[in-house]
C-alpha atoms as a PDB file:
ATOM      1  CA  UNK A   1      61.461 -37.962 -41.743  1.00  0.00           C
ATOM      2  CA  UNK A   2      61.094 -34.498 -44.954  1.00  0.00           C
ATOM      3  CA  UNK A   3      59.829 -36.910 -47.174  1.00  0.00           C
ATOM      4  CA  UNK A   4      55.933 -37.308 -46.533  1.00  0.00           C
ATOM      5  CA  UNK A   5      55.465 -33.593 -46.206  1.00  0.00           C
ATOM      6  CA  UNK A   6      55.244 -32.702 -50.024  1.00  0.00           C
ATOM      7  CA  UNK A   7      53.484 -35.650 -50.835  1.00  0.00           C
ATOM      8  CA  UNK A   8      50.380 -35.066 -47.869  1.00  0.00           C
ATOM      9  CA  UNK A   9      50.822 -31.350 -48.986  1.00  0.00           C
ATOM     10  CA  UNK A  10      49.569 -31.936 -52.372  1.00  0.00           C
ATOM     11  CA  UNK A  11      47.077 -34.500 -51.191  1.00  0.00           C
ATOM     12  CA  UNK A  12      45.828 -31.796 -48.933  1.00  0.00           C
ATOM     13  CA  UNK A  13      46.154 -28.379 -51.696  1.00  0.00           C
ATOM     14  CA  UNK A  14      43.910 -30.847 -54.759  1.00  0.00           C
ATOM     15  CA  UNK A  15      40.885 -31.394 -52.807  1.00  0.00           C
ATOM     16  CA  UNK A  16      41.150 -27.514 -51.222  1.00  0.00           C
ATOM     17  CA  UNK A  17      41.412 -25.711 -55.069  1.00  0.00           C
ATOM     18  CA  UNK A  18      38.776 -28.575 -56.778  1.00  0.00           C
ATOM     19  CA  UNK A  19      36.448 -27.622 -53.437  1.00  0.00           C
ATOM     20  CA  UNK A  20      37.438 -23.429 -53.691  1.00  0.00           C
ATOM     21  CA  UNK A  21      35.660 -23.517 -57.156  1.00  0.00           C
ATOM     22  CA  UNK A  22      32.251 -25.655 -56.257  1.00  0.00           C
ATOM     23  CA  UNK A  23      32.282 -23.360 -52.988  1.00  0.00           C
ATOM     24  CA  UNK A  24      32.989 -20.149 -55.020  1.00  0.00           C
ATOM     25  CA  UNK A  25      28.854 -20.599 -55.815  1.00  0.00           C
ATOM     26  CA  UNK A  26      26.186 -18.114 -53.635  1.00  0.00           C
ATOM     27  CA  UNK A  27      24.156 -21.656 -53.360  1.00  0.00           C
ATOM     28  CA  UNK A  28      27.474 -23.757 -51.852  1.00  0.00           C
ATOM     29  CA  UNK A  29      28.402 -20.765 -49.865  1.00  0.00           C
ATOM     30  CA  UNK A  30      24.628 -20.453 -48.128  1.00  0.00           C
ATOM     31  CA  UNK A  31      24.145 -23.889 -47.451  1.00  0.00           C
ATOM     32  CA  UNK A  32      27.344 -23.987 -45.602  1.00  0.00           C
ATOM     33  CA  UNK A  33      27.144 -21.229 -43.721  1.00  0.00           C
ATOM     34  CA  UNK A  34      23.149 -22.832 -42.681  1.00  0.00           C
ATOM     35  CA  UNK A  35      24.512 -26.202 -41.692  1.00  0.00           C
ATOM     36  CA  UNK A  36      26.701 -24.483 -40.091  1.00  0.00           C
ATOM     37  CA  UNK A  37      24.402 -21.889 -37.935  1.00  0.00           C
ATOM     38  CA  UNK A  38      22.584 -25.409 -37.911  1.00  0.00           C
ATOM     39  CA  UNK A  39      25.976 -27.195 -36.140  1.00  0.00           C
ATOM     40  CA  UNK A  40      27.073 -24.764 -33.505  1.00  0.00           C
ATOM     41  CA  UNK A  41      22.674 -24.664 -32.524  1.00  0.00           C
ATOM     42  CA  UNK A  42      22.196 -27.893 -31.551  1.00  0.00           C
ATOM     43  CA  UNK A  43      25.925 -27.978 -29.977  1.00  0.00           C
ATOM     44  CA  UNK A  44      25.421 -24.915 -28.067  1.00  0.00           C
ATOM     45  CA  UNK A  45      21.699 -26.137 -27.020  1.00  0.00           C
ATOM     46  CA  UNK A  46      23.993 -29.635 -25.643  1.00  0.00           C
ATOM     47  CA  UNK A  47      25.928 -28.148 -23.828  1.00  0.00           C
ATOM     48  CA  UNK A  48      23.314 -25.831 -21.864  1.00  0.00           C
ATOM     49  CA  UNK A  49      20.655 -28.764 -21.359  1.00  0.00           C
ATOM     50  CA  UNK A  50      23.598 -30.906 -20.022  1.00  0.00           C
ATOM     51  CA  UNK A  51      23.240 -30.356 -16.098  1.00  0.00           C
ATOM     52  CA  UNK A  52      19.415 -30.441 -16.832  1.00  0.00           C
ATOM     53  CA  UNK A  53      19.984 -34.127 -17.950  1.00  0.00           C
ATOM     54  CA  UNK A  54      22.701 -35.221 -16.034  1.00  0.00           C
END
């Protein structure tokens, strides 16, 4: 059961390492924050409207 753990760890570490450099750019960080804000606002609006639409 322990044999897949190092493979899984490498499978996660490599993409995170590659994305890390990209995410350190100010434009990418700003875009990620904006996208997260839009997604959370949309989810909040859906939760508020759910009782009205049910």
